[in-house]
Amino acid sequence: MNVPDPTYPSFEFYLKTNIVFGINSFAKAGEQALKLGRSALIVSTSGTLLRNGTLTKLQDHLRAQGIESRTTTDISPNPKVSQINALFQTYKETKIDFVIGIGGGSSLDAAKAIAVLLGGRVDRIDDFLLKNIEPPSTTLPILAIPTTCSGSEVAAGAILTDEARQFKGGIRGVAIIPRIALVDPLLSVTVTEEITKISGFDVLTHAFETFMAKKANPFSEMLSKESLRIIINTLPCLLKDLKNVNLRSQMSCAASMAGINLINVGTCLPHRLQYALGASNDVPHGLGLAMIYPYWIKRLRQENPGKVQALKDILGSAPLDRIVQFLESLALDKLVKDQYRICEGIKTVSSRVSGNLDNDPIYRDGIAEEIITEMVKNKELICKPSF
């Protein structure tokens, strides 16, 4: 019998996070946190978690294990460099053993960033963002508790906006990968239809881009395909039954799967482009991706990378068409407000597109500016004069 002899690429696959997954796993927050220390800073951008008592319950779980905690919600969605620096000034003289991020992706990103400063006793987060400095090993341990689908609970990145420089980018490094991710689907049951759509599409882009990326490997492709399968089949059902815990569980699992790939593979051009646009219009990340995706998919279709066909078993005979149809079914364009369409000049924005651009299967010089120009032509964006 002839046995196929596939040639696999050389790759590394890294997973640092202990994932504690399941309904009612939030009740284990105290015992899990005790593995990291006796004093915690709880970081959240969500006023909803403060109002609905979730943050109080978290404090109770910690107190039951003898853990002292302090809580801050003084961080905005799309967390700002100035907010992280101010938070450090508030807590730099306080004994803190570890940081808990609870909420959506912005909450977890903010928790990672403040853990860098508190652990390294560094006054400002700016250099880590602007000079692409990797966070030090002294970064405080992080416990991540997601309440929406993001994948940030297992990822090695924290996305921040430097409003003074009109720059949005990531702090990246193994030191900010959470030690523990406590994923309880019950925490996402109260998430609105709008956020469910936006975060769900964000997870789909993680799965799709990490499959298409040049750095993809057999392990990551397996996770990408399973995550895509779950999202395509589950999200439409969830939008009709928002409190369905089983469907929430499936989406939470898909988010963590795709999040693991963010560490090992990384994303493609749409994410790099969204960060550049989001710095000037503060658009929610998933919405920004929804604005960009049709233009990237159009170019994928023109280039026709052969790898697309490997998704036929999940997305049907025309995988790229299925992605576009899925996006259209979410009607995210109806959530794009006028202020989200404003950005700086085309050349200014395109010059800010940075990161591992060669990971994109069709990247070439000029493609970012080309996409932004087409978005402006189609009134997806309105560019202000460049300064």
Protein backbone atom coordinates (compact mmCIF):
# COMPACT_ATOMS: atom_id res chain seq x y z
CA MET A 1 0.00 0.00 0.00
CA ASN A 2 1.33 3.41 -0.94
CA VAL A 3 1.27 5.79 2.01
CA PRO A 4 1.21 9.53 1.28
CA ASP A 5 4.33 11.29 2.49
CA PRO A 6 3.34 14.92 3.08
CA THR A 7 6.06 17.47 3.69
CA TYR A 8 5.15 19.64 6.65
CA PRO A 9 6.72 23.04 7.17
CA SER A 10 8.91 23.70 10.19
CA PHE A 11 6.97 25.55 12.88
CA GLU A 12 6.65 26.22 16.58
CA PHE A 13 3.34 26.00 18.41
CA TYR A 14 3.00 27.72 21.76
CA LEU A 15 0.29 27.62 24.43
CA LYS A 16 0.99 29.13 27.82
CA THR A 17 -2.51 29.61 29.21
CA ASN A 18 -4.33 27.23 31.50
CA ILE A 19 -7.88 27.38 30.12
CA VAL A 20 -10.64 26.75 32.65
CA PHE A 21 -13.75 26.42 30.50
CA GLY A 22 -17.36 25.70 31.33
CA ILE A 23 -20.72 26.86 32.62
CA ASN A 24 -20.43 28.17 36.19
CA SER A 25 -16.63 28.16 36.03
CA PHE A 26 -16.77 31.80 37.24
CA ALA A 27 -17.38 30.34 40.70
CA LYS A 28 -13.80 29.03 40.54
CA ALA A 29 -12.34 32.52 40.17
CA GLY A 30 -11.08 32.63 43.73
CA GLU A 31 -9.33 29.29 43.75
CA GLN A 32 -7.79 29.96 40.34
CA ALA A 33 -6.66 33.44 41.36
CA LEU A 34 -5.00 32.05 44.49
CA LYS A 35 -2.46 30.36 42.21
CA LEU A 36 -1.24 33.82 41.21
CA GLY A 37 -1.05 35.65 44.52
CA ARG A 38 -2.82 37.33 47.42
CA SER A 39 -3.51 40.82 46.07
CA ALA A 40 -5.18 41.66 42.76
CA LEU A 41 -6.05 44.63 40.60
CA ILE A 42 -9.30 44.03 38.69
CA VAL A 43 -9.46 45.92 35.37
CA SER A 44 -12.61 46.33 33.28
CA THR A 45 -13.86 48.76 30.66
CA SER A 46 -17.43 47.62 31.26
CA GLY A 47 -19.78 49.74 33.34
CA THR A 48 -22.36 47.02 32.77
CA LEU A 49 -20.38 44.52 34.86
CA LEU A 50 -20.25 47.10 37.63
CA ARG A 51 -23.99 47.76 37.48
CA ASN A 52 -25.12 44.13 37.19
CA GLY A 53 -23.04 43.01 40.16
CA THR A 54 -20.55 40.81 38.30
CA LEU A 55 -17.56 42.74 39.63
CA THR A 56 -18.94 42.51 43.17
CA LYS A 57 -19.31 38.73 42.76
CA LEU A 58 -15.73 38.53 41.56
CA GLN A 59 -14.54 40.42 44.63
CA ASP A 60 -16.57 38.04 46.81
CA HIS A 61 -14.96 35.00 45.15
CA LEU A 62 -11.52 36.49 45.80
CA ARG A 63 -12.31 37.46 49.38
CA ALA A 64 -13.44 33.90 50.12
CA GLN A 65 -9.87 32.79 49.34
CA GLY A 66 -8.29 35.56 51.38
CA ILE A 67 -7.32 37.62 48.33
CA GLU A 68 -7.37 41.40 48.64
CA SER A 69 -8.56 43.23 45.52
CA ARG A 70 -9.03 46.69 44.06
CA THR A 71 -11.18 47.46 41.03
CA THR A 72 -10.96 50.06 38.28
CA THR A 73 -13.35 50.75 35.41
CA ASP A 74 -11.61 53.99 34.39
CA ILE A 75 -10.68 52.62 30.99
CA SER A 76 -12.58 53.21 27.75
CA PRO A 77 -13.30 50.68 25.03
CA ASN A 78 -10.33 50.89 22.65
CA PRO A 79 -8.11 51.63 25.69
CA LYS A 80 -5.87 54.68 25.51
CA VAL A 81 -2.18 54.99 26.33
CA SER A 82 -2.92 57.96 28.60
CA GLN A 83 -5.41 55.88 30.62
CA ILE A 84 -2.90 53.08 31.16
CA ASN A 85 -0.22 55.54 32.25
CA ALA A 86 -2.64 57.25 34.64
CA LEU A 87 -3.69 53.90 36.09
CA PHE A 88 -0.06 53.06 36.83
CA GLN A 89 0.38 56.35 38.67
CA THR A 90 -2.64 55.47 40.82
CA TYR A 91 -1.43 51.99 41.79
CA LYS A 92 2.38 52.08 41.51
CA GLU A 93 2.81 52.27 45.31
CA THR A 94 0.21 49.57 45.98
CA LYS A 95 1.17 45.95 46.56
CA ILE A 96 -0.33 44.01 43.67
CA ASP A 97 0.63 40.42 42.88
CA PHE A 98 -1.40 39.93 39.73
CA VAL A 99 -3.95 41.58 37.44
CA ILE A 100 -7.42 40.34 36.51
CA GLY A 101 -8.96 41.50 33.25
CA ILE A 102 -12.70 40.92 33.02
CA GLY A 103 -14.94 41.98 30.16
CA GLY A 104 -14.49 42.21 26.40
CA GLY A 105 -11.26 42.34 24.48
CA SER A 106 -10.59 45.94 25.51
CA SER A 107 -10.72 45.01 29.20
CA LEU A 108 -8.27 42.19 28.70
CA ASP A 109 -5.95 44.38 26.62
CA ALA A 110 -5.96 47.05 29.32
CA ALA A 111 -5.21 44.46 32.01
CA LYS A 112 -2.23 43.18 30.02
CA ALA A 113 -0.87 46.69 29.55
CA ILE A 114 -1.08 47.72 33.22
CA ALA A 115 0.47 44.36 34.20
CA VAL A 116 3.52 45.34 32.11
CA LEU A 117 3.95 48.65 33.96
CA LEU A 118 3.25 47.35 37.45
CA GLY A 119 5.63 44.43 37.01
CA GLY A 120 8.46 46.36 35.41
CA ARG A 121 7.99 49.51 37.48
CA VAL A 122 8.07 51.50 34.23
CA ASP A 123 6.23 54.82 34.21
CA ARG A 124 4.84 54.79 30.69
CA ILE A 125 3.50 52.24 28.23
CA ASP A 126 4.34 54.41 25.19
CA ASP A 127 7.68 52.87 24.27
CA PHE A 128 6.34 49.33 24.34
CA LEU A 129 3.76 50.39 21.75
CA LEU A 130 5.69 52.84 19.59
CA LYS A 131 9.13 51.17 19.59
CA ASN A 132 7.83 47.62 19.47
CA ILE A 133 9.60 46.70 22.71
CA GLU A 134 8.65 43.27 24.02
CA PRO A 135 7.16 43.27 27.53
CA PRO A 136 9.65 42.08 30.16
CA SER A 137 9.49 38.84 32.11
CA THR A 138 8.73 40.94 35.21
CA THR A 139 5.21 41.58 33.84
CA LEU A 140 2.67 40.64 36.52
CA PRO A 141 0.70 37.41 36.02
CA ILE A 142 -2.70 37.89 34.38
CA LEU A 143 -6.02 36.12 34.95
CA ALA A 144 -8.34 36.74 31.99
CA ILE A 145 -12.12 36.42 32.33
CA PRO A 146 -13.80 37.17 28.98
CA THR A 147 -17.46 38.15 28.85
CA THR A 148 -17.57 38.45 25.05
CA CYS A 149 -15.93 36.47 22.26
CA SER A 150 -12.49 37.88 21.53
CA GLY A 151 -9.78 35.27 21.99
CA SER A 152 -7.70 37.82 23.89
CA GLU A 153 -7.84 35.55 26.93
CA VAL A 154 -5.16 33.31 25.38
CA ALA A 155 -3.42 35.77 23.05
CA ALA A 156 -0.03 37.49 23.26
CA GLY A 157 -1.22 40.96 22.19
CA ALA A 158 -2.74 44.06 23.75
CA ILE A 159 -4.14 46.69 21.39
CA LEU A 160 -3.90 50.31 22.54
CA THR A 161 -4.54 53.73 21.03
CA ASP A 162 -2.02 56.54 21.44
CA GLU A 163 -4.43 59.42 20.93
CA ALA A 164 -1.68 62.06 21.08
CA ARG A 165 0.09 60.52 18.08
CA GLN A 166 -3.06 59.21 16.35
CA PHE A 167 -1.57 55.72 16.41
CA LYS A 168 -3.17 52.38 17.21
CA GLY A 169 -1.09 49.26 17.55
CA GLY A 170 -0.19 46.28 19.65
CA ILE A 171 2.09 45.41 22.52
CA ARG A 172 3.15 41.83 21.91
CA GLY A 173 5.13 39.20 23.75
CA VAL A 174 4.83 35.96 25.69
CA ALA A 175 4.98 37.84 29.01
CA ILE A 176 1.45 39.22 28.51
CA ILE A 177 -0.19 35.94 27.61
CA PRO A 178 -2.58 35.32 30.52
CA ARG A 179 -1.48 32.56 32.87
CA ILE A 180 -5.10 31.53 33.40
CA ALA A 181 -8.20 32.06 31.24
CA LEU A 182 -11.48 31.47 33.02
CA VAL A 183 -14.11 31.13 30.28
CA ASP A 184 -17.66 30.92 31.60
CA PRO A 185 -20.28 31.17 28.81
CA LEU A 186 -22.87 32.32 31.37
CA LEU A 187 -21.05 35.65 31.61
CA SER A 188 -21.86 36.35 27.95
CA VAL A 189 -25.61 35.64 28.20
CA THR A 190 -26.46 39.30 28.87
CA VAL A 191 -24.38 40.59 25.95
CA THR A 192 -26.51 42.61 23.52
CA GLU A 193 -27.34 41.55 19.99
CA GLU A 194 -25.12 44.34 18.63
CA ILE A 195 -22.04 43.29 20.58
CA THR A 196 -22.75 39.62 19.86
CA LYS A 197 -22.68 40.39 16.14
CA ILE A 198 -19.55 42.56 16.29
CA SER A 199 -17.54 40.21 18.52
CA GLY A 200 -18.77 37.15 16.61
CA PHE A 201 -17.56 38.56 13.32
CA ASP A 202 -14.25 39.51 14.94
CA VAL A 203 -13.75 35.87 15.95
CA LEU A 204 -14.59 34.74 12.43
CA THR A 205 -11.85 37.03 11.07
CA HIS A 206 -9.37 35.52 13.53
CA ALA A 207 -10.21 32.03 12.32
CA PHE A 208 -10.23 32.93 8.62
CA GLU A 209 -7.09 35.06 8.62
CA THR A 210 -5.05 32.61 10.65
CA PHE A 211 -6.02 29.94 8.12
CA MET A 212 -5.05 32.09 5.14
CA ALA A 213 -1.85 33.48 6.73
CA LYS A 214 1.52 32.42 5.40
CA LYS A 215 2.62 31.36 8.89
CA ALA A 216 -0.24 28.86 9.20
CA ASN A 217 0.75 25.29 10.06
CA PRO A 218 -1.10 21.97 10.40
CA PHE A 219 -1.99 22.59 14.06
CA SER A 220 -3.26 26.11 13.48
CA GLU A 221 -5.21 25.11 10.36
CA MET A 222 -7.04 22.45 12.37
CA LEU A 223 -8.08 25.06 14.97
CA SER A 224 -8.99 27.62 12.28
CA LYS A 225 -11.27 25.23 10.44
CA GLU A 226 -13.05 24.04 13.56
CA SER A 227 -13.51 27.60 14.79
CA LEU A 228 -14.90 28.65 11.39
CA ARG A 229 -17.27 25.69 11.34
CA ILE A 230 -18.65 26.58 14.77
CA ILE A 231 -19.09 30.29 14.00
CA ILE A 232 -20.76 29.84 10.61
CA ASN A 233 -23.26 27.36 12.05
CA THR A 234 -23.77 28.86 15.51
CA LEU A 235 -23.80 32.66 15.31
CA PRO A 236 -26.98 32.94 13.15
CA CYS A 237 -28.81 30.67 15.63
CA LEU A 238 -27.48 32.61 18.61
CA LEU A 239 -28.74 35.92 17.21
CA LYS A 240 -32.24 34.43 17.29
CA ASP A 241 -31.83 33.13 20.85
CA LEU A 242 -29.38 35.39 22.68
CA LYS A 243 -29.73 33.71 26.06
CA ASN A 244 -29.07 30.19 24.79
CA VAL A 245 -26.19 29.03 26.99
CA ASN A 246 -25.26 26.09 24.76
CA LEU A 247 -24.84 28.37 21.76
CA ARG A 248 -22.86 30.84 23.89
CA SER A 249 -20.62 27.96 24.94
CA GLN A 250 -19.89 27.04 21.35
CA MET A 251 -19.02 30.63 20.42
CA SER A 252 -16.80 31.00 23.50
CA CYS A 253 -14.95 27.83 22.56
CA ALA A 254 -14.50 29.02 18.97
CA ALA A 255 -13.09 32.31 20.25
CA SER A 256 -10.47 30.58 22.39
CA MET A 257 -9.49 28.25 19.54
CA ALA A 258 -8.93 31.15 17.18
CA GLY A 259 -7.21 33.09 19.98
CA ILE A 260 -4.59 30.35 20.32
CA ASN A 261 -3.84 30.89 16.63
CA LEU A 262 -3.30 34.61 17.21
CA ILE A 263 -0.21 33.69 19.26
CA ASN A 264 1.17 31.17 16.84
CA VAL A 265 0.22 32.53 13.43
CA GLY A 266 -1.06 36.11 13.56
CA THR A 267 -3.59 37.89 11.40
CA CYS A 268 -3.53 39.37 7.90
CA LEU A 269 -3.89 42.79 6.27
CA PRO A 270 -7.44 43.63 7.49
CA HIS A 271 -6.29 43.77 11.11
CA ARG A 272 -3.24 45.88 10.28
CA LEU A 273 -5.45 48.24 8.27
CA GLN A 274 -8.12 48.45 10.96
CA TYR A 275 -5.60 49.55 13.57
CA ALA A 276 -4.46 52.37 11.29
CA LEU A 277 -8.04 53.50 10.64
CA GLY A 278 -9.22 52.97 14.20
CA ALA A 279 -6.62 55.34 15.59
CA SER A 280 -8.37 58.29 13.99
CA ASN A 281 -12.05 57.31 14.09
CA ASP A 282 -12.19 55.10 17.24
CA VAL A 283 -14.43 52.60 15.46
CA PRO A 284 -15.10 49.39 17.44
CA HIS A 285 -12.62 46.81 16.20
CA GLY A 286 -15.12 44.28 14.83
CA LEU A 287 -17.06 46.99 13.01
CA GLY A 288 -13.88 48.34 11.49
CA LEU A 289 -13.05 44.88 10.19
CA ALA A 290 -16.55 44.57 8.73
CA MET A 291 -15.99 47.82 6.80
CA ILE A 292 -12.67 46.59 5.40
CA TYR A 293 -13.43 42.93 4.70
CA PRO A 294 -15.34 43.18 1.40
CA TYR A 295 -12.41 45.08 -0.12
CA TRP A 296 -9.85 42.53 1.03
CA ILE A 297 -12.03 39.59 -0.04
CA LYS A 298 -12.40 41.21 -3.47
CA ARG A 299 -8.61 41.15 -3.85
CA LEU A 300 -8.35 37.63 -2.48
CA ARG A 301 -10.83 36.60 -5.18
CA GLN A 302 -8.74 38.32 -7.87
CA GLU A 303 -5.51 36.70 -6.68
CA ASN A 304 -7.26 33.36 -6.05
CA PRO A 305 -4.80 31.80 -3.59
CA GLY A 306 -5.22 28.04 -3.91
CA LYS A 307 -5.59 27.60 -0.17
CA VAL A 308 -9.12 29.04 -0.26
CA GLN A 309 -10.38 25.82 -1.80
CA ALA A 310 -9.34 23.89 1.31
CA LEU A 311 -12.31 25.52 3.07
CA LYS A 312 -14.92 24.07 0.71
CA ASP A 313 -15.96 21.42 3.21
CA ILE A 314 -16.90 24.14 5.71
CA LEU A 315 -17.91 27.14 3.59
CA GLY A 316 -19.24 25.46 0.45
CA SER A 317 -18.10 25.51 -3.16
CA ALA A 318 -17.40 29.26 -3.14
CA PRO A 319 -15.75 29.98 0.26
CA LEU A 320 -15.08 33.67 -0.36
CA ASP A 321 -18.66 34.29 -1.45
CA ARG A 322 -19.85 32.56 1.72
CA ILE A 323 -17.73 34.89 3.90
CA VAL A 324 -19.22 37.95 2.18
CA GLN A 325 -22.77 36.58 2.41
CA PHE A 326 -22.26 35.82 6.10
CA LEU A 327 -21.05 39.38 6.69
CA GLU A 328 -24.03 40.81 4.80
CA SER A 329 -26.42 38.68 6.86
CA LEU A 330 -25.12 40.35 10.03
CA ALA A 331 -26.02 43.78 8.63
CA LEU A 332 -23.12 45.38 10.49
CA ASP A 333 -23.12 48.25 7.99
CA LYS A 334 -26.28 49.53 9.73
CA LEU A 335 -24.27 49.94 12.95
CA VAL A 336 -21.57 52.11 11.34
CA LYS A 337 -22.20 55.64 12.59
CA ASP A 338 -21.15 58.78 10.73
CA GLN A 339 -18.23 59.50 13.08
CA TYR A 340 -16.77 56.10 12.25
CA ARG A 341 -16.50 57.13 8.59
CA ILE A 342 -14.16 60.02 9.35
CA CYS A 343 -10.43 59.45 9.04
CA GLU A 344 -7.32 61.34 8.16
CA GLY A 345 -5.92 61.61 4.66
CA ILE A 346 -5.46 58.47 2.59
CA LYS A 347 -1.67 58.64 2.55
CA THR A 348 -1.53 59.43 6.27
CA VAL A 349 -3.62 56.40 7.20
CA SER A 350 -1.90 54.03 4.79
CA SER A 351 1.52 55.10 6.10
CA ARG A 352 0.46 53.90 9.55
CA VAL A 353 -0.30 50.37 8.41
CA SER A 354 2.39 48.33 10.12
CA GLY A 355 3.15 44.92 11.59
CA ASN A 356 3.89 41.62 9.90
CA LEU A 357 2.34 42.54 6.56
CA ASP A 358 4.11 39.75 4.71
CA ASN A 359 1.99 37.26 6.64
CA ASP A 360 -0.89 38.23 4.34
CA PRO A 361 -1.20 35.86 1.35
CA ILE A 362 -1.70 38.68 -1.19
CA TYR A 363 0.16 41.59 0.37
CA ARG A 364 2.04 43.89 -1.99
CA ASP A 365 3.26 47.46 -1.81
CA GLY A 366 0.44 49.95 -2.29
CA ILE A 367 -2.45 47.60 -1.49
CA ALA A 368 -3.36 49.37 1.77
CA GLU A 369 -3.60 52.75 0.06
CA GLU A 370 -5.55 51.14 -2.77
CA ILE A 371 -8.14 49.71 -0.37
CA ILE A 372 -8.52 52.97 1.57
CA THR A 373 -8.93 54.89 -1.71
CA GLU A 374 -11.69 52.53 -2.82
CA MET A 375 -13.41 52.83 0.56
CA VAL A 376 -13.38 56.62 0.23
CA LYS A 377 -14.72 56.39 -3.33
CA ASN A 378 -17.59 54.20 -2.08
CA LYS A 379 -18.24 56.57 0.84
CA GLU A 380 -17.29 53.98 3.41
CA LEU A 381 -14.81 56.59 4.62
CA ILE A 382 -14.55 60.37 4.48
CA CYS A 383 -10.95 61.47 4.72
CA LYS A 384 -9.96 64.75 6.33
CA PRO A 385 -6.98 66.65 4.91
CA SER A 386 -3.66 65.27 6.12
CA PHE A 387 -1.61 67.39 8.49
